[in-house]
Amino acid sequence: MAGGVDGLVDRWLNEPGFRERLLDDPDKTVRAAGIKLSADEWASLRSTLVSMADEELRPRVSKRLASN
C-alpha cells in the first residue's frame, strides 16, 4: 500500500467508510491507517482534500499519477 498522500487518496477513493472516519477524526484515522504525512501534507489535508468531492479529486489524482 502506498504511503503519504498517495495512500491517503487511495483509501479516500477506494475504502468504504474511510472518508467518514477521516472527516470525523483526521488525526486518529491517519495514525490508525499508518499513513505518515509531512506538515505540508497535513495542511493540505485539512484545507483541501477533505472538502473535495470525488468528482473533483479523481482528475487531480489521475493527472498526478500520469506525471510520475
Protein backbone atom coordinates (compact mmCIF):
# COMPACT_ATOMS: atom_id res chain seq x y z
CA MET A 1 0.00 0.00 0.00
CA ALA A 2 1.18 3.49 -0.82
CA GLY A 3 2.15 5.82 1.96
CA GLY A 4 1.76 9.54 2.49
CA VAL A 5 -0.67 11.42 0.32
CA ASP A 6 -0.88 8.58 -2.22
CA GLY A 7 -2.02 6.17 0.49
CA LEU A 8 -4.49 8.68 1.83
CA VAL A 9 -6.00 9.34 -1.60
CA ASP A 10 -6.17 5.62 -2.38
CA ARG A 11 -8.08 4.93 0.80
CA TRP A 12 -10.29 8.02 0.34
CA LEU A 13 -11.38 6.77 -3.08
CA ASN A 14 -11.48 3.02 -2.53
CA GLU A 15 -12.02 2.06 1.11
CA PRO A 16 -15.61 2.07 2.33
CA GLY A 17 -16.00 4.15 5.47
CA PHE A 18 -12.55 5.73 5.29
CA ARG A 19 -13.85 9.14 4.20
CA GLU A 20 -16.36 9.26 7.03
CA ARG A 21 -13.73 8.28 9.59
CA LEU A 22 -11.32 10.84 8.15
CA LEU A 23 -13.92 13.60 8.26
CA ASP A 24 -14.85 12.64 11.82
CA ASP A 25 -11.32 12.46 13.23
CA PRO A 26 -8.49 13.09 10.74
CA ASP A 27 -5.63 12.70 13.22
CA LYS A 28 -6.83 9.39 14.63
CA THR A 29 -7.76 7.99 11.21
CA VAL A 30 -4.44 8.83 9.58
CA ARG A 31 -2.48 7.42 12.54
CA ALA A 32 -4.59 4.24 12.64
CA ALA A 33 -4.01 3.74 8.90
CA GLY A 34 -0.25 4.00 9.42
CA ILE A 35 -0.03 6.91 7.00
CA LYS A 36 2.77 9.38 7.65
CA LEU A 37 2.19 12.95 6.47
CA SER A 38 4.54 15.92 6.50
CA ALA A 39 3.40 19.22 7.98
CA ASP A 40 2.64 20.49 4.47
CA GLU A 41 0.62 17.36 3.69
CA TRP A 42 -1.38 17.80 6.90
CA ALA A 43 -2.10 21.40 5.94
CA SER A 44 -3.27 20.26 2.51
CA LEU A 45 -5.45 17.57 4.04
CA ARG A 46 -7.13 19.99 6.36
CA SER A 47 -7.63 22.79 3.86
CA THR A 48 -8.35 21.00 0.59
CA LEU A 49 -8.65 17.22 0.36
CA VAL A 50 -11.31 16.72 3.00
CA SER A 51 -13.63 19.26 1.38
CA MET A 52 -13.29 17.95 -2.18
CA ALA A 53 -15.84 15.67 -3.81
CA ASP A 54 -14.65 12.52 -5.60
CA GLU A 55 -15.54 14.09 -8.93
CA GLU A 56 -13.07 16.90 -8.25
CA LEU A 57 -10.42 14.63 -6.75
CA ARG A 58 -10.26 11.89 -9.39
CA PRO A 59 -8.91 14.12 -12.23
CA ARG A 60 -6.25 15.52 -9.89
CA VAL A 61 -5.17 12.03 -8.86
CA SER A 62 -5.10 10.83 -12.47
CA LYS A 63 -3.07 13.86 -13.51
CA ARG A 64 -0.62 13.34 -10.65
CA LEU A 65 -0.20 9.64 -11.41
CA ALA A 66 0.37 10.39 -15.09
CA SER A 67 3.15 12.83 -14.23
CA ASN A 68 5.04 10.24 -12.11
